[in-house]
Amino acid sequence: MKSFFILLISQAIFAIAAAQLKTSAVCPMINVDILAGRVNDIEPLSTQGQVKKSLPCFTSEEPENNTSSCGGGIFYKDKDIYFYTGRDYIEIREKFNGKLSLPLMGASRNSLFKTLGHPKIKDVRWDAFRTQYGTLILYYNKANKINKIQFSNKSTETLTLCN
């Protein structure tokens, strides 16, 4: 009987010790400056450590190595923004819930000339614009509205995107 109580007390102590409070990573508001090519203080050339330090609330990560499908990255699936650190570009998708300096998401393809000028490369589903920092790529849905934004410090000739 005595050993039963000792066993019961020791289990209670272990349960209390294992029930430590853990804090959740709090993310600041995500601000995307399209014309400067930055997300808060993060640029496409930023390292994984810099991205995690600036926005600690990532949902997943992929190491930068030869076996990574897209060269590695830090991903915020709940916020619909993705940092492809191995390929040096940032991708913002349709359900992004931060702030864009230019209201591009959902904008019509025909309304971009005043802000961005003529695209350097034009395709049926996307346009690539030369910027002061590198390249801005806008993707369009069937209604010719923007549904994905990618930007990089690289030129269109050296940029490698993930499919």
C-alpha atoms as a PDB file:
ATOM      1  CA  MET A   1       0.000   0.000   0.000  1.00  0.00           C
ATOM      2  CA  LYS A   2       2.868   2.307   0.862  1.00  0.00           C
ATOM      3  CA  SER A   3       4.473   1.768  -2.568  1.00  0.00           C
ATOM      4  CA  PHE A   4       1.151   2.527  -4.252  1.00  0.00           C
ATOM      5  CA  PHE A   5       1.008   5.966  -2.596  1.00  0.00           C
ATOM      6  CA  ILE A   6       4.635   6.670  -3.486  1.00  0.00           C
ATOM      7  CA  LEU A   7       3.892   5.723  -7.095  1.00  0.00           C
ATOM      8  CA  LEU A   8       0.779   7.946  -7.122  1.00  0.00           C
ATOM      9  CA  ILE A   9       2.650  10.928  -5.642  1.00  0.00           C
ATOM     10  CA  SER A  10       5.568  10.529  -8.040  1.00  0.00           C
ATOM     11  CA  GLN A  11       3.189  10.453 -11.029  1.00  0.00           C
ATOM     12  CA  ALA A  12       1.510  13.630  -9.790  1.00  0.00           C
ATOM     13  CA  ILE A  13       4.896  15.353  -9.449  1.00  0.00           C
ATOM     14  CA  PHE A  14       5.931  14.309 -12.975  1.00  0.00           C
ATOM     15  CA  ALA A  15       2.596  15.518 -14.391  1.00  0.00           C
ATOM     16  CA  ILE A  16       3.022  18.911 -12.715  1.00  0.00           C
ATOM     17  CA  ALA A  17       6.611  19.208 -13.945  1.00  0.00           C
ATOM     18  CA  ALA A  18       5.551  18.412 -17.530  1.00  0.00           C
ATOM     19  CA  ALA A  19       2.728  20.976 -17.510  1.00  0.00           C
ATOM     20  CA  GLN A  20       4.899  24.027 -18.061  1.00  0.00           C
ATOM     21  CA  LEU A  21       3.372  27.113 -19.625  1.00  0.00           C
ATOM     22  CA  LYS A  22       4.639  27.870 -23.093  1.00  0.00           C
ATOM     23  CA  THR A  23       4.159  31.174 -24.864  1.00  0.00           C
ATOM     24  CA  SER A  24       3.021  31.422 -28.463  1.00  0.00           C
ATOM     25  CA  ALA A  25       5.041  33.398 -30.970  1.00  0.00           C
ATOM     26  CA  VAL A  26       3.331  36.724 -31.605  1.00  0.00           C
ATOM     27  CA  CYS A  27       3.577  38.110 -35.104  1.00  0.00           C
ATOM     28  CA  PRO A  28       3.630  41.822 -35.789  1.00  0.00           C
ATOM     29  CA  MET A  29       1.399  43.261 -38.502  1.00  0.00           C
ATOM     30  CA  ILE A  30       2.760  42.215 -41.909  1.00  0.00           C
ATOM     31  CA  ASN A  31       3.360  45.230 -44.161  1.00  0.00           C
ATOM     32  CA  VAL A  32       4.411  44.644 -47.763  1.00  0.00           C
ATOM     33  CA  ASP A  33       6.075  47.555 -49.549  1.00  0.00           C
ATOM     34  CA  ILE A  34       5.695  46.574 -53.205  1.00  0.00           C
ATOM     35  CA  LEU A  35       7.776  49.443 -54.620  1.00  0.00           C
ATOM     36  CA  ALA A  36      10.657  48.872 -52.183  1.00  0.00           C
ATOM     37  CA  GLY A  37      10.526  45.062 -52.394  1.00  0.00           C
ATOM     38  CA  ARG A  38      10.246  44.482 -48.633  1.00  0.00           C
ATOM     39  CA  VAL A  39       8.018  42.784 -46.085  1.00  0.00           C
ATOM     40  CA  ASN A  40       8.471  44.718 -42.829  1.00  0.00           C
ATOM     41  CA  ASP A  41      12.311  44.712 -42.652  1.00  0.00           C
ATOM     42  CA  ILE A  42      12.705  41.506 -44.704  1.00  0.00           C
ATOM     43  CA  GLU A  43      14.070  41.535 -48.249  1.00  0.00           C
ATOM     44  CA  PRO A  44      14.081  38.609 -50.689  1.00  0.00           C
ATOM     45  CA  LEU A  45      17.815  38.104 -50.013  1.00  0.00           C
ATOM     46  CA  SER A  46      17.214  37.706 -46.253  1.00  0.00           C
ATOM     47  CA  THR A  47      18.300  34.491 -44.552  1.00  0.00           C
ATOM     48  CA  GLN A  48      15.956  32.044 -42.847  1.00  0.00           C
ATOM     49  CA  GLY A  49      17.212  33.285 -39.472  1.00  0.00           C
ATOM     50  CA  GLN A  50      16.413  36.903 -40.355  1.00  0.00           C
ATOM     51  CA  VAL A  51      12.904  35.985 -41.514  1.00  0.00           C
ATOM     52  CA  LYS A  52      12.193  33.955 -38.356  1.00  0.00           C
ATOM     53  CA  LYS A  53      13.532  36.731 -36.112  1.00  0.00           C
ATOM     54  CA  SER A  54      11.371  39.375 -37.774  1.00  0.00           C
ATOM     55  CA  LEU A  55       8.237  37.208 -38.058  1.00  0.00           C
ATOM     56  CA  PRO A  56       8.475  34.432 -35.436  1.00  0.00           C
ATOM     57  CA  CYS A  57       4.972  33.022 -36.060  1.00  0.00           C
ATOM     58  CA  PHE A  58       5.782  30.871 -39.124  1.00  0.00           C
ATOM     59  CA  THR A  59       3.697  27.760 -39.725  1.00  0.00           C
ATOM     60  CA  SER A  60       6.387  25.686 -41.431  1.00  0.00           C
ATOM     61  CA  GLU A  61       9.920  25.774 -42.747  1.00  0.00           C
ATOM     62  CA  GLU A  62      12.026  23.900 -45.249  1.00  0.00           C
ATOM     63  CA  PRO A  63      15.819  23.843 -44.857  1.00  0.00           C
ATOM     64  CA  GLU A  64      18.014  25.226 -47.602  1.00  0.00           C
ATOM     65  CA  ASN A  65      19.696  22.186 -49.114  1.00  0.00           C
ATOM     66  CA  ASN A  66      19.881  20.160 -52.320  1.00  0.00           C
ATOM     67  CA  THR A  67      16.976  17.902 -51.324  1.00  0.00           C
ATOM     68  CA  SER A  68      14.544  20.793 -50.731  1.00  0.00           C
ATOM     69  CA  SER A  69      11.867  20.940 -53.386  1.00  0.00           C
ATOM     70  CA  CYS A  70      12.045  24.741 -53.710  1.00  0.00           C
ATOM     71  CA  GLY A  71      15.459  25.540 -52.273  1.00  0.00           C
ATOM     72  CA  GLY A  72      14.179  26.108 -48.746  1.00  0.00           C
ATOM     73  CA  GLY A  73      11.976  28.687 -47.125  1.00  0.00           C
ATOM     74  CA  ILE A  74       9.908  29.985 -44.256  1.00  0.00           C
ATOM     75  CA  PHE A  75       6.152  29.757 -44.757  1.00  0.00           C
ATOM     76  CA  TYR A  76       3.158  31.498 -43.188  1.00  0.00           C
ATOM     77  CA  LYS A  77       0.256  29.459 -44.550  1.00  0.00           C
ATOM     78  CA  ASP A  78      -2.277  31.077 -42.212  1.00  0.00           C
ATOM     79  CA  LYS A  79      -1.288  34.512 -43.563  1.00  0.00           C
ATOM     80  CA  ASP A  80      -0.772  33.293 -47.183  1.00  0.00           C
ATOM     81  CA  ILE A  81       2.774  34.671 -47.507  1.00  0.00           C
ATOM     82  CA  TYR A  82       5.840  32.574 -48.354  1.00  0.00           C
ATOM     83  CA  PHE A  83       9.560  33.393 -48.168  1.00  0.00           C
ATOM     84  CA  TYR A  84      11.597  31.236 -50.557  1.00  0.00           C
ATOM     85  CA  THR A  85      14.980  31.983 -49.007  1.00  0.00           C
ATOM     86  CA  GLY A  86      16.907  29.491 -51.143  1.00  0.00           C
ATOM     87  CA  ARG A  87      15.673  31.104 -54.363  1.00  0.00           C
ATOM     88  CA  ASP A  88      15.549  34.657 -52.979  1.00  0.00           C
ATOM     89  CA  TYR A  89      11.955  35.652 -53.605  1.00  0.00           C
ATOM     90  CA  ILE A  90       8.781  36.371 -51.660  1.00  0.00           C
ATOM     91  CA  GLU A  91       5.318  35.187 -52.679  1.00  0.00           C
ATOM     92  CA  ILE A  92       1.987  36.634 -51.580  1.00  0.00           C
ATOM     93  CA  ARG A  93      -1.154  34.716 -52.395  1.00  0.00           C
ATOM     94  CA  GLU A  94      -4.825  35.570 -52.684  1.00  0.00           C
ATOM     95  CA  LYS A  95      -5.828  35.183 -49.015  1.00  0.00           C
ATOM     96  CA  PHE A  96      -3.003  37.370 -47.665  1.00  0.00           C
ATOM     97  CA  ASN A  97      -4.224  39.118 -44.529  1.00  0.00           C
ATOM     98  CA  GLY A  98      -1.602  41.821 -44.078  1.00  0.00           C
ATOM     99  CA  LYS A  99      -1.221  45.287 -45.585  1.00  0.00           C
ATOM    100  CA  LEU A 100      -0.037  45.975 -49.147  1.00  0.00           C
ATOM    101  CA  SER A 101       1.461  49.404 -49.910  1.00  0.00           C
ATOM    102  CA  LEU A 102      -0.245  49.230 -53.314  1.00  0.00           C
ATOM    103  CA  PRO A 103      -3.686  47.575 -53.392  1.00  0.00           C
ATOM    104  CA  LEU A 104      -2.693  45.089 -56.088  1.00  0.00           C
ATOM    105  CA  MET A 105      -4.435  41.927 -54.897  1.00  0.00           C
ATOM    106  CA  GLY A 106      -7.672  41.650 -56.848  1.00  0.00           C
ATOM    107  CA  ALA A 107      -6.814  44.645 -59.052  1.00  0.00           C
ATOM    108  CA  SER A 108      -7.583  44.504 -62.741  1.00  0.00           C
ATOM    109  CA  ARG A 109      -4.753  43.849 -65.178  1.00  0.00           C
ATOM    110  CA  ASN A 110      -5.774  46.912 -67.182  1.00  0.00           C
ATOM    111  CA  SER A 111      -5.354  49.270 -64.198  1.00  0.00           C
ATOM    112  CA  LEU A 112      -1.618  48.720 -63.621  1.00  0.00           C
ATOM    113  CA  PHE A 113       0.036  50.940 -66.240  1.00  0.00           C
ATOM    114  CA  LYS A 114      -0.246  54.170 -64.189  1.00  0.00           C
ATOM    115  CA  THR A 115       1.520  52.576 -61.231  1.00  0.00           C
ATOM    116  CA  LEU A 116       3.922  50.058 -62.763  1.00  0.00           C
ATOM    117  CA  GLY A 117       4.319  51.015 -66.423  1.00  0.00           C
ATOM    118  CA  HIS A 118       4.742  48.419 -69.149  1.00  0.00           C
ATOM    119  CA  PRO A 119       5.775  44.899 -68.136  1.00  0.00           C
ATOM    120  CA  LYS A 120       9.216  43.690 -69.194  1.00  0.00           C
ATOM    121  CA  ILE A 121       7.789  40.242 -70.007  1.00  0.00           C
ATOM    122  CA  LYS A 122       4.128  39.554 -70.691  1.00  0.00           C
ATOM    123  CA  ASP A 123       2.333  36.204 -70.711  1.00  0.00           C
ATOM    124  CA  VAL A 124      -1.312  35.152 -70.837  1.00  0.00           C
ATOM    125  CA  ARG A 125      -1.407  34.416 -67.063  1.00  0.00           C
ATOM    126  CA  TRP A 126       1.291  36.764 -65.699  1.00  0.00           C
ATOM    127  CA  ASP A 127       3.332  39.940 -66.200  1.00  0.00           C
ATOM    128  CA  ALA A 128       6.901  40.585 -64.995  1.00  0.00           C
ATOM    129  CA  PHE A 129       7.857  44.182 -64.213  1.00  0.00           C
ATOM    130  CA  ARG A 130      11.346  45.590 -63.806  1.00  0.00           C
ATOM    131  CA  THR A 131      11.657  47.464 -60.507  1.00  0.00           C
ATOM    132  CA  GLN A 132      14.394  49.442 -58.775  1.00  0.00           C
ATOM    133  CA  TYR A 133      15.146  46.400 -56.577  1.00  0.00           C
ATOM    134  CA  GLY A 134      14.724  43.644 -59.204  1.00  0.00           C
ATOM    135  CA  THR A 135      11.566  41.946 -60.491  1.00  0.00           C
ATOM    136  CA  LEU A 136       7.867  42.042 -59.621  1.00  0.00           C
ATOM    137  CA  ILE A 137       5.659  39.294 -61.079  1.00  0.00           C
ATOM    138  CA  LEU A 138       1.879  39.533 -61.011  1.00  0.00           C
ATOM    139  CA  TYR A 139      -0.348  36.534 -61.756  1.00  0.00           C
ATOM    140  CA  TYR A 140      -3.931  36.782 -62.980  1.00  0.00           C
ATOM    141  CA  ASN A 141      -7.023  34.638 -62.631  1.00  0.00           C
ATOM    142  CA  LYS A 142      -9.523  34.002 -65.453  1.00  0.00           C
ATOM    143  CA  ALA A 143     -11.170  37.384 -64.802  1.00  0.00           C
ATOM    144  CA  ASN A 144      -7.772  39.128 -65.292  1.00  0.00           C
ATOM    145  CA  LYS A 145      -7.575  40.094 -61.609  1.00  0.00           C
ATOM    146  CA  ILE A 146      -4.336  39.709 -59.634  1.00  0.00           C
ATOM    147  CA  ASN A 147      -4.347  36.605 -57.435  1.00  0.00           C
ATOM    148  CA  LYS A 148      -0.619  36.135 -56.709  1.00  0.00           C
ATOM    149  CA  ILE A 149       2.364  38.464 -56.292  1.00  0.00           C
ATOM    150  CA  GLN A 150       6.047  37.485 -56.355  1.00  0.00           C
ATOM    151  CA  PHE A 151       9.042  39.761 -56.032  1.00  0.00           C
ATOM    152  CA  SER A 152      12.794  39.293 -55.990  1.00  0.00           C
ATOM    153  CA  ASN A 153      16.054  41.224 -56.046  1.00  0.00           C
ATOM    154  CA  LYS A 154      17.033  39.155 -59.086  1.00  0.00           C
ATOM    155  CA  SER A 155      16.461  40.023 -62.733  1.00  0.00           C
ATOM    156  CA  THR A 156      14.065  38.082 -64.948  1.00  0.00           C
ATOM    157  CA  GLU A 157      17.070  36.346 -66.519  1.00  0.00           C
ATOM    158  CA  THR A 158      18.436  34.959 -63.224  1.00  0.00           C
ATOM    159  CA  LEU A 159      15.244  34.401 -61.223  1.00  0.00           C
ATOM    160  CA  THR A 160      14.235  30.768 -60.607  1.00  0.00           C
ATOM    161  CA  LEU A 161      10.719  30.253 -59.275  1.00  0.00           C
ATOM    162  CA  CYS A 162       9.128  27.246 -57.620  1.00  0.00           C
ATOM    163  CA  ASN A 163       6.124  25.684 -59.298  1.00  0.00           C
END
